[in-house]
Amino acid sequence: MDETATLGYLEALAHTLGVEIRYESMEGDNPFSSGGMCRIRDKQVIIVNQRAATGDKVRTLVKALRCFDLTQIYLKPVLRDLLDG
């Protein structure tokens, strides 16, 4: 599966989990940050650097989504392997 398709599946998984994904411009002290998960007003949000390469966006989402219990959610085997890391 290519990185763009993987990114789409991870975005769909986040939506299923009720997690918002925001693609933002990373400026300031570390403009090369790829992002990560945070809590904004009791809502879980994944912030992703909009200028990051697709592979970096995938890695950011994988790292954030590993925090969730995904055992009861069907995932394609390639995604399950990626998330189980």
N, C-alpha and C. Protein backbone atom coordinates (compact mmCIF):
# COMPACT_ATOMS: atom_id res chain seq x y z
N MET A 1 0.85 -1.17 0.00
CA MET A 1 0.00 0.00 0.00
C MET A 1 0.91 1.24 0.00
N ASP A 2 0.60 2.22 -0.84
CA ASP A 2 1.44 3.41 -0.88
C ASP A 2 1.13 4.35 0.29
N GLU A 3 2.03 5.31 0.51
CA GLU A 3 1.91 6.18 1.68
C GLU A 3 0.65 7.04 1.66
N THR A 4 0.23 7.47 0.48
CA THR A 4 -0.97 8.31 0.39
C THR A 4 -2.21 7.52 0.80
N ALA A 5 -2.31 6.28 0.35
CA ALA A 5 -3.44 5.43 0.74
C ALA A 5 -3.39 5.13 2.24
N THR A 6 -2.20 4.85 2.75
CA THR A 6 -2.04 4.59 4.18
C THR A 6 -2.48 5.80 4.99
N LEU A 7 -2.08 6.99 4.55
CA LEU A 7 -2.48 8.22 5.23
C LEU A 7 -4.01 8.34 5.27
N GLY A 8 -4.66 8.04 4.16
CA GLY A 8 -6.11 8.10 4.10
C GLY A 8 -6.77 7.13 5.07
N TYR A 9 -6.25 5.91 5.16
CA TYR A 9 -6.80 4.93 6.10
C TYR A 9 -6.59 5.36 7.55
N LEU A 10 -5.44 5.94 7.84
CA LEU A 10 -5.18 6.40 9.20
C LEU A 10 -6.08 7.58 9.56
N GLU A 11 -6.33 8.46 8.61
CA GLU A 11 -7.26 9.57 8.84
C GLU A 11 -8.67 9.04 9.12
N ALA A 12 -9.08 8.03 8.38
CA ALA A 12 -10.40 7.43 8.60
C ALA A 12 -10.47 6.77 9.97
N LEU A 13 -9.40 6.11 10.38
CA LEU A 13 -9.36 5.48 11.69
C LEU A 13 -9.49 6.53 12.79
N ALA A 14 -8.77 7.62 12.66
CA ALA A 14 -8.87 8.70 13.64
C ALA A 14 -10.30 9.22 13.72
N HIS A 15 -10.94 9.38 12.59
CA HIS A 15 -12.33 9.83 12.57
C HIS A 15 -13.23 8.83 13.30
N THR A 16 -13.02 7.54 13.05
CA THR A 16 -13.79 6.49 13.73
C THR A 16 -13.62 6.58 15.24
N LEU A 17 -12.42 6.93 15.68
CA LEU A 17 -12.13 7.04 17.11
C LEU A 17 -12.59 8.37 17.70
N GLY A 18 -13.08 9.27 16.86
CA GLY A 18 -13.52 10.57 17.34
C GLY A 18 -12.38 11.54 17.60
N VAL A 19 -11.26 11.29 16.95
CA VAL A 19 -10.08 12.15 17.11
C VAL A 19 -9.99 13.09 15.91
N GLU A 20 -9.88 14.37 16.20
CA GLU A 20 -9.75 15.37 15.15
C GLU A 20 -8.29 15.43 14.69
N ILE A 21 -8.09 15.58 13.39
CA ILE A 21 -6.75 15.79 12.84
C ILE A 21 -6.72 17.20 12.27
N ARG A 22 -5.71 17.95 12.68
CA ARG A 22 -5.52 19.30 12.15
C ARG A 22 -4.18 19.36 11.44
N TYR A 23 -4.22 19.78 10.19
CA TYR A 23 -3.00 20.02 9.44
C TYR A 23 -2.68 21.50 9.58
N GLU A 24 -1.58 21.79 10.26
CA GLU A 24 -1.22 23.17 10.58
C GLU A 24 0.20 23.47 10.10
N SER A 25 0.44 24.75 9.87
CA SER A 25 1.78 25.20 9.55
C SER A 25 2.57 25.29 10.84
N MET A 26 3.69 24.61 10.90
CA MET A 26 4.52 24.62 12.11
C MET A 26 5.55 25.73 11.99
N GLU A 27 5.41 26.72 12.82
CA GLU A 27 6.34 27.84 12.82
C GLU A 27 6.91 28.00 14.21
N GLY A 28 7.89 28.84 14.34
CA GLY A 28 8.46 29.10 15.66
C GLY A 28 9.79 28.43 15.85
N ASP A 29 10.03 27.98 17.07
CA ASP A 29 11.34 27.43 17.43
C ASP A 29 11.71 26.17 16.66
N ASN A 30 10.72 25.32 16.36
CA ASN A 30 11.02 24.06 15.68
C ASN A 30 10.05 23.85 14.51
N PRO A 31 10.28 24.54 13.39
CA PRO A 31 9.36 24.40 12.25
C PRO A 31 9.43 23.02 11.60
N PHE A 32 10.38 22.19 12.02
CA PHE A 32 10.52 20.87 11.42
C PHE A 32 9.82 19.78 12.22
N SER A 33 9.11 20.17 13.25
CA SER A 33 8.34 19.20 14.04
C SER A 33 7.27 18.59 13.16
N SER A 34 7.06 17.30 13.30
CA SER A 34 6.04 16.64 12.48
C SER A 34 4.68 16.66 13.14
N GLY A 35 4.62 17.02 14.44
CA GLY A 35 3.34 17.12 15.13
C GLY A 35 3.19 16.06 16.20
N GLY A 36 1.94 15.87 16.63
CA GLY A 36 1.65 14.89 17.67
C GLY A 36 0.26 15.09 18.24
N MET A 37 -0.06 14.31 19.26
CA MET A 37 -1.39 14.37 19.85
C MET A 37 -1.40 15.31 21.04
N CYS A 38 -2.52 16.01 21.19
CA CYS A 38 -2.71 16.87 22.35
C CYS A 38 -4.20 16.88 22.71
N ARG A 39 -4.49 17.48 23.82
CA ARG A 39 -5.88 17.60 24.27
C ARG A 39 -6.22 19.09 24.27
N ILE A 40 -7.31 19.42 23.59
CA ILE A 40 -7.80 20.79 23.53
C ILE A 40 -9.24 20.78 24.03
N ARG A 41 -9.45 21.40 25.19
CA ARG A 41 -10.79 21.46 25.79
C ARG A 41 -11.44 20.08 25.85
N ASP A 42 -10.75 19.14 26.44
CA ASP A 42 -11.24 17.77 26.64
C ASP A 42 -11.49 17.01 25.34
N LYS A 43 -10.90 17.46 24.25
CA LYS A 43 -11.02 16.75 22.98
C LYS A 43 -9.62 16.38 22.50
N GLN A 44 -9.46 15.13 22.08
CA GLN A 44 -8.16 14.70 21.59
C GLN A 44 -7.99 15.15 20.14
N VAL A 45 -6.85 15.77 19.88
CA VAL A 45 -6.55 16.32 18.57
C VAL A 45 -5.14 15.90 18.18
N ILE A 46 -4.99 15.51 16.93
CA ILE A 46 -3.65 15.24 16.40
C ILE A 46 -3.29 16.41 15.49
N ILE A 47 -2.20 17.07 15.83
CA ILE A 47 -1.69 18.18 15.02
C ILE A 47 -0.61 17.61 14.11
N VAL A 48 -0.73 17.87 12.81
CA VAL A 48 0.23 17.36 11.83
C VAL A 48 0.78 18.54 11.03
N ASN A 49 2.08 18.56 10.85
CA ASN A 49 2.72 19.60 10.06
C ASN A 49 2.26 19.46 8.61
N GLN A 50 1.58 20.48 8.11
CA GLN A 50 1.04 20.39 6.76
C GLN A 50 2.13 20.36 5.69
N ARG A 51 3.33 20.81 6.03
CA ARG A 51 4.43 20.81 5.06
C ARG A 51 5.30 19.56 5.15
N ALA A 52 4.98 18.67 6.06
CA ALA A 52 5.77 17.44 6.21
C ALA A 52 5.54 16.53 5.00
N ALA A 53 6.51 15.70 4.72
CA ALA A 53 6.36 14.70 3.67
C ALA A 53 5.29 13.70 4.09
N THR A 54 4.68 13.05 3.12
CA THR A 54 3.60 12.09 3.40
C THR A 54 4.05 11.02 4.39
N GLY A 55 5.26 10.52 4.24
CA GLY A 55 5.77 9.50 5.16
C GLY A 55 5.85 10.01 6.59
N ASP A 56 6.23 11.27 6.76
CA ASP A 56 6.29 11.86 8.10
C ASP A 56 4.89 12.03 8.68
N LYS A 57 3.93 12.38 7.84
CA LYS A 57 2.54 12.50 8.30
C LYS A 57 2.03 11.13 8.76
N VAL A 58 2.35 10.10 8.00
CA VAL A 58 1.95 8.73 8.38
C VAL A 58 2.57 8.37 9.73
N ARG A 59 3.85 8.63 9.90
CA ARG A 59 4.52 8.29 11.16
C ARG A 59 3.92 9.07 12.34
N THR A 60 3.56 10.32 12.13
CA THR A 60 2.94 11.11 13.19
C THR A 60 1.60 10.51 13.60
N LEU A 61 0.78 10.13 12.61
CA LEU A 61 -0.52 9.54 12.92
C LEU A 61 -0.37 8.18 13.58
N VAL A 62 0.55 7.37 13.10
CA VAL A 62 0.78 6.04 13.70
C VAL A 62 1.17 6.19 15.16
N LYS A 63 2.10 7.07 15.43
CA LYS A 63 2.55 7.27 16.82
C LYS A 63 1.40 7.71 17.71
N ALA A 64 0.56 8.60 17.23
CA ALA A 64 -0.56 9.10 18.03
C ALA A 64 -1.65 8.03 18.20
N LEU A 65 -1.95 7.30 17.14
CA LEU A 65 -3.04 6.33 17.18
C LEU A 65 -2.68 5.07 17.98
N ARG A 66 -1.40 4.83 18.19
CA ARG A 66 -0.99 3.69 19.02
C ARG A 66 -1.45 3.83 20.46
N CYS A 67 -1.82 5.02 20.87
CA CYS A 67 -2.27 5.27 22.25
C CYS A 67 -3.67 4.71 22.51
N PHE A 68 -4.37 4.32 21.46
CA PHE A 68 -5.75 3.88 21.60
C PHE A 68 -5.85 2.36 21.58
N ASP A 69 -6.90 1.85 22.21
CA ASP A 69 -7.18 0.42 22.17
C ASP A 69 -7.86 0.12 20.83
N LEU A 70 -7.16 -0.53 19.96
CA LEU A 70 -7.67 -0.81 18.61
C LEU A 70 -8.07 -2.27 18.43
N THR A 71 -8.12 -3.02 19.52
CA THR A 71 -8.38 -4.46 19.41
C THR A 71 -9.78 -4.78 18.89
N GLN A 72 -10.74 -3.91 19.11
CA GLN A 72 -12.11 -4.19 18.68
C GLN A 72 -12.46 -3.53 17.35
N ILE A 73 -11.47 -2.94 16.69
CA ILE A 73 -11.69 -2.26 15.42
C ILE A 73 -11.02 -3.07 14.32
N TYR A 74 -11.79 -3.35 13.24
CA TYR A 74 -11.20 -4.07 12.11
C TYR A 74 -10.25 -3.14 11.37
N LEU A 75 -9.06 -3.63 11.14
CA LEU A 75 -8.06 -2.90 10.35
C LEU A 75 -7.48 -3.85 9.32
N LYS A 76 -7.16 -3.32 8.16
CA LYS A 76 -6.47 -4.14 7.16
C LYS A 76 -5.18 -4.65 7.81
N PRO A 77 -4.78 -5.87 7.48
CA PRO A 77 -3.59 -6.44 8.11
C PRO A 77 -2.35 -5.55 8.00
N VAL A 78 -2.17 -4.88 6.89
CA VAL A 78 -0.99 -4.02 6.73
C VAL A 78 -1.04 -2.85 7.72
N LEU A 79 -2.24 -2.33 7.98
CA LEU A 79 -2.38 -1.25 8.97
C LEU A 79 -2.19 -1.78 10.38
N ARG A 80 -2.74 -2.95 10.64
CA ARG A 80 -2.57 -3.56 11.97
C ARG A 80 -1.08 -3.75 12.26
N ASP A 81 -0.34 -4.25 11.28
CA ASP A 81 1.10 -4.45 11.46
C ASP A 81 1.81 -3.12 11.72
N LEU A 82 1.41 -2.11 10.99
CA LEU A 82 2.02 -0.79 11.15
C LEU A 82 1.75 -0.22 12.53
N LEU A 83 0.52 -0.35 13.00
CA LEU A 83 0.13 0.20 14.30
C LEU A 83 0.64 -0.64 15.47
N ASP A 84 0.77 -1.93 15.26
CA ASP A 84 1.29 -2.79 16.33
C ASP A 84 2.81 -2.67 16.43
N GLY A 85 3.41 -2.14 15.35
CA GLY A 85 4.82 -1.82 15.26
C GLY A 85 5.75 -2.79 15.79
